[in-house]
Amino acid sequence: MSTPAISVILPVHNGLPYLREAVESILGQSFPDFELLAIDDGSTDGSAVYLEALDDPRLRIFRRNHSGITPGLNFGLAQARADLIARMDADDIARPERLERQWHFMHDHPEVVLLGSRVQEIDGTGRLVGV
């Protein structure tokens, strides 16, 4: 298996209400060279069942006993195969060009070690509530 350009780490604990849209927004990226590491932190709401039903070779699923987001993220970092790491939460939605734009920026600016982005906050119905 070749090393991906980006490892996307997605911790989830009982995130089922929004998880589908979060995962689909990553798997639908215009930049295809990534792995998605879904770190299930002891979910009891069907999140793990949803993740296991997905059939995408870029998706790697890890199930752990509930220990919280920080240990889950650290575990994800230890599993990541790429030099570049992207963070994603189970209730986030990534624009289709997110990884492509971020990869190009990092590639064009090797002096940069950390990259953030603009965030639009939406409510449970998808209505914009803040920037």
C-alpha atoms as a PDB file:
ATOM      1  CA  MET A   1       0.000   0.000   0.000  1.00  0.00           C
ATOM      2  CA  SER A   2       1.474   3.365  -0.989  1.00  0.00           C
ATOM      3  CA  THR A   3       1.881   6.218   1.464  1.00  0.00           C
ATOM      4  CA  PRO A   4      -0.893   8.817   1.099  1.00  0.00           C
ATOM      5  CA  ALA A   5      -0.125  12.528   0.836  1.00  0.00           C
ATOM      6  CA  ILE A   6      -2.517  13.391   3.689  1.00  0.00           C
ATOM      7  CA  SER A   7      -3.839  11.498   6.704  1.00  0.00           C
ATOM      8  CA  VAL A   8      -7.204  12.856   7.840  1.00  0.00           C
ATOM      9  CA  ILE A   9      -7.888  12.051  11.492  1.00  0.00           C
ATOM     10  CA  LEU A  10     -11.551  11.938  12.457  1.00  0.00           C
ATOM     11  CA  PRO A  11     -12.318  11.085  16.095  1.00  0.00           C
ATOM     12  CA  VAL A  12     -15.907  10.154  16.823  1.00  0.00           C
ATOM     13  CA  HIS A  13     -17.868   9.422  19.969  1.00  0.00           C
ATOM     14  CA  ASN A  14     -21.620   9.033  19.431  1.00  0.00           C
ATOM     15  CA  GLY A  15     -21.523  11.319  16.399  1.00  0.00           C
ATOM     16  CA  LEU A  16     -24.104   9.494  14.286  1.00  0.00           C
ATOM     17  CA  PRO A  17     -26.451  12.451  13.729  1.00  0.00           C
ATOM     18  CA  TYR A  18     -23.758  14.252  11.683  1.00  0.00           C
ATOM     19  CA  LEU A  19     -21.179  11.560  10.955  1.00  0.00           C
ATOM     20  CA  ARG A  20     -22.523  10.533   7.536  1.00  0.00           C
ATOM     21  CA  GLU A  21     -22.234  14.044   6.122  1.00  0.00           C
ATOM     22  CA  ALA A  22     -18.783  14.524   7.676  1.00  0.00           C
ATOM     23  CA  VAL A  23     -17.416  11.285   6.203  1.00  0.00           C
ATOM     24  CA  GLU A  24     -19.023  11.869   2.798  1.00  0.00           C
ATOM     25  CA  SER A  25     -17.502  15.355   2.666  1.00  0.00           C
ATOM     26  CA  ILE A  26     -14.027  13.858   3.070  1.00  0.00           C
ATOM     27  CA  LEU A  27     -14.509  10.855   0.808  1.00  0.00           C
ATOM     28  CA  GLY A  28     -15.828  13.244  -1.877  1.00  0.00           C
ATOM     29  CA  GLN A  29     -12.721  15.446  -1.913  1.00  0.00           C
ATOM     30  CA  SER A  30     -11.289  16.658  -5.236  1.00  0.00           C
ATOM     31  CA  PHE A  31      -7.826  15.639  -3.929  1.00  0.00           C
ATOM     32  CA  PRO A  32      -7.851  11.829  -3.929  1.00  0.00           C
ATOM     33  CA  ASP A  33      -4.483  11.022  -2.300  1.00  0.00           C
ATOM     34  CA  PHE A  34      -5.459  10.694   1.361  1.00  0.00           C
ATOM     35  CA  GLU A  35      -6.377   8.211   4.019  1.00  0.00           C
ATOM     36  CA  LEU A  36      -9.250   8.789   6.427  1.00  0.00           C
ATOM     37  CA  LEU A  37      -8.573   7.459   9.911  1.00  0.00           C
ATOM     38  CA  ALA A  38     -11.861   7.139  11.773  1.00  0.00           C
ATOM     39  CA  ILE A  39     -11.131   6.699  15.478  1.00  0.00           C
ATOM     40  CA  ASP A  40     -14.285   5.412  17.162  1.00  0.00           C
ATOM     41  CA  ASP A  41     -14.037   6.301  20.847  1.00  0.00           C
ATOM     42  CA  GLY A  42     -16.429   3.739  22.287  1.00  0.00           C
ATOM     43  CA  SER A  43     -19.566   4.942  20.518  1.00  0.00           C
ATOM     44  CA  THR A  44     -22.869   3.363  21.527  1.00  0.00           C
ATOM     45  CA  ASP A  45     -25.126   5.119  18.999  1.00  0.00           C
ATOM     46  CA  GLY A  46     -24.362   3.131  15.839  1.00  0.00           C
ATOM     47  CA  SER A  47     -21.433   5.270  14.680  1.00  0.00           C
ATOM     48  CA  ALA A  48     -19.158   2.227  14.508  1.00  0.00           C
ATOM     49  CA  VAL A  49     -21.789   0.216  12.608  1.00  0.00           C
ATOM     50  CA  TYR A  50     -22.113   3.028  10.050  1.00  0.00           C
ATOM     51  CA  LEU A  51     -18.331   3.262   9.603  1.00  0.00           C
ATOM     52  CA  GLU A  52     -17.909  -0.507   9.237  1.00  0.00           C
ATOM     53  CA  ALA A  53     -20.564  -0.574   6.488  1.00  0.00           C
ATOM     54  CA  LEU A  54     -18.538   1.795   4.295  1.00  0.00           C
ATOM     55  CA  ASP A  55     -16.491   0.311   1.491  1.00  0.00           C
ATOM     56  CA  ASP A  56     -13.685   2.694   0.591  1.00  0.00           C
ATOM     57  CA  PRO A  57     -10.019   1.669   0.536  1.00  0.00           C
ATOM     58  CA  ARG A  58      -8.994   5.113   1.824  1.00  0.00           C
ATOM     59  CA  LEU A  59     -10.916   4.548   5.075  1.00  0.00           C
ATOM     60  CA  ARG A  60      -9.201   2.935   8.055  1.00  0.00           C
ATOM     61  CA  ILE A  61     -11.380   2.355  11.132  1.00  0.00           C
ATOM     62  CA  PHE A  62     -10.093   1.948  14.663  1.00  0.00           C
ATOM     63  CA  ARG A  63     -12.378   1.068  17.568  1.00  0.00           C
ATOM     64  CA  ARG A  64     -11.239   1.955  21.067  1.00  0.00           C
ATOM     65  CA  ASN A  65     -12.685   2.003  24.539  1.00  0.00           C
ATOM     66  CA  HIS A  66     -13.964   5.447  25.453  1.00  0.00           C
ATOM     67  CA  SER A  67     -11.017   7.546  26.607  1.00  0.00           C
ATOM     68  CA  GLY A  68     -11.754  11.033  25.238  1.00  0.00           C
ATOM     69  CA  ILE A  69     -10.763  13.095  22.243  1.00  0.00           C
ATOM     70  CA  THR A  70      -7.120  13.803  23.123  1.00  0.00           C
ATOM     71  CA  PRO A  71      -6.079  10.147  23.562  1.00  0.00           C
ATOM     72  CA  GLY A  72      -8.035   9.330  20.390  1.00  0.00           C
ATOM     73  CA  LEU A  73      -6.232  12.016  18.421  1.00  0.00           C
ATOM     74  CA  ASN A  74      -2.864  10.877  19.744  1.00  0.00           C
ATOM     75  CA  PHE A  75      -3.726   7.324  18.727  1.00  0.00           C
ATOM     76  CA  GLY A  76      -4.687   8.600  15.264  1.00  0.00           C
ATOM     77  CA  LEU A  77      -1.379  10.440  14.935  1.00  0.00           C
ATOM     78  CA  ALA A  78       0.451   7.220  15.757  1.00  0.00           C
ATOM     79  CA  GLN A  79      -1.489   5.371  13.025  1.00  0.00           C
ATOM     80  CA  ALA A  80      -1.139   8.070  10.344  1.00  0.00           C
ATOM     81  CA  ARG A  81       1.049   7.175   7.374  1.00  0.00           C
ATOM     82  CA  ALA A  82       1.251  10.595   5.708  1.00  0.00           C
ATOM     83  CA  ASP A  83       3.587  13.469   6.479  1.00  0.00           C
ATOM     84  CA  LEU A  84       0.665  15.911   6.411  1.00  0.00           C
ATOM     85  CA  ILE A  85      -2.161  15.572   8.943  1.00  0.00           C
ATOM     86  CA  ALA A  86      -5.631  17.084   8.585  1.00  0.00           C
ATOM     87  CA  ARG A  87      -8.132  17.249  11.462  1.00  0.00           C
ATOM     88  CA  MET A  88     -11.804  16.605  11.007  1.00  0.00           C
ATOM     89  CA  ASP A  89     -14.530  16.359  13.621  1.00  0.00           C
ATOM     90  CA  ALA A  90     -17.549  14.094  13.286  1.00  0.00           C
ATOM     91  CA  ASP A  91     -19.853  17.112  13.083  1.00  0.00           C
ATOM     92  CA  ASP A  92     -17.799  19.029  10.486  1.00  0.00           C
ATOM     93  CA  ILE A  93     -18.452  19.335   6.767  1.00  0.00           C
ATOM     94  CA  ALA A  94     -15.455  19.919   4.513  1.00  0.00           C
ATOM     95  CA  ARG A  95     -15.779  21.792   1.241  1.00  0.00           C
ATOM     96  CA  PRO A  96     -14.934  19.496  -1.712  1.00  0.00           C
ATOM     97  CA  GLU A  97     -11.683  21.320  -2.468  1.00  0.00           C
ATOM     98  CA  ARG A  98     -10.456  21.586   1.135  1.00  0.00           C
ATOM     99  CA  LEU A  99      -7.669  18.996   1.010  1.00  0.00           C
ATOM    100  CA  GLU A 100      -6.566  20.012  -2.481  1.00  0.00           C
ATOM    101  CA  ARG A 101      -6.214  23.676  -1.521  1.00  0.00           C
ATOM    102  CA  GLN A 102      -4.467  22.853   1.737  1.00  0.00           C
ATOM    103  CA  TRP A 103      -2.062  20.402   0.095  1.00  0.00           C
ATOM    104  CA  HIS A 104      -1.110  22.925  -2.603  1.00  0.00           C
ATOM    105  CA  PHE A 105      -0.543  25.650  -0.019  1.00  0.00           C
ATOM    106  CA  MET A 106       1.667  23.420   2.117  1.00  0.00           C
ATOM    107  CA  HIS A 107       3.559  22.182  -0.949  1.00  0.00           C
ATOM    108  CA  ASP A 108       4.129  25.741  -2.207  1.00  0.00           C
ATOM    109  CA  HIS A 109       5.138  27.043   1.243  1.00  0.00           C
ATOM    110  CA  PRO A 110       7.482  24.464   2.818  1.00  0.00           C
ATOM    111  CA  GLU A 111       8.331  26.920   5.611  1.00  0.00           C
ATOM    112  CA  VAL A 112       4.742  26.585   6.931  1.00  0.00           C
ATOM    113  CA  VAL A 113       4.232  23.888   9.559  1.00  0.00           C
ATOM    114  CA  LEU A 114       0.619  24.575  10.596  1.00  0.00           C
ATOM    115  CA  LEU A 115      -2.320  25.651   8.478  1.00  0.00           C
ATOM    116  CA  GLY A 116      -5.775  26.723   9.598  1.00  0.00           C
ATOM    117  CA  SER A 117      -8.756  27.755   7.565  1.00  0.00           C
ATOM    118  CA  ARG A 118     -11.851  29.862   7.690  1.00  0.00           C
ATOM    119  CA  VAL A 119     -14.784  28.231   9.418  1.00  0.00           C
ATOM    120  CA  GLN A 120     -18.472  28.783   8.902  1.00  0.00           C
ATOM    121  CA  GLU A 121     -20.599  27.675  11.826  1.00  0.00           C
ATOM    122  CA  ILE A 122     -23.956  26.110  10.976  1.00  0.00           C
ATOM    123  CA  ASP A 123     -26.746  24.833  13.159  1.00  0.00           C
ATOM    124  CA  GLY A 124     -28.357  21.387  13.049  1.00  0.00           C
ATOM    125  CA  THR A 125     -30.463  22.366  10.055  1.00  0.00           C
ATOM    126  CA  GLY A 126     -27.509  23.667   8.034  1.00  0.00           C
ATOM    127  CA  ARG A 127     -28.306  27.350   8.592  1.00  0.00           C
ATOM    128  CA  LEU A 128     -25.288  29.658   8.819  1.00  0.00           C
ATOM    129  CA  VAL A 129     -24.993  31.087  12.335  1.00  0.00           C
ATOM    130  CA  GLY A 130     -21.453  32.470  12.379  1.00  0.00           C
ATOM    131  CA  VAL A 131     -18.088  32.836  10.684  1.00  0.00           C
END
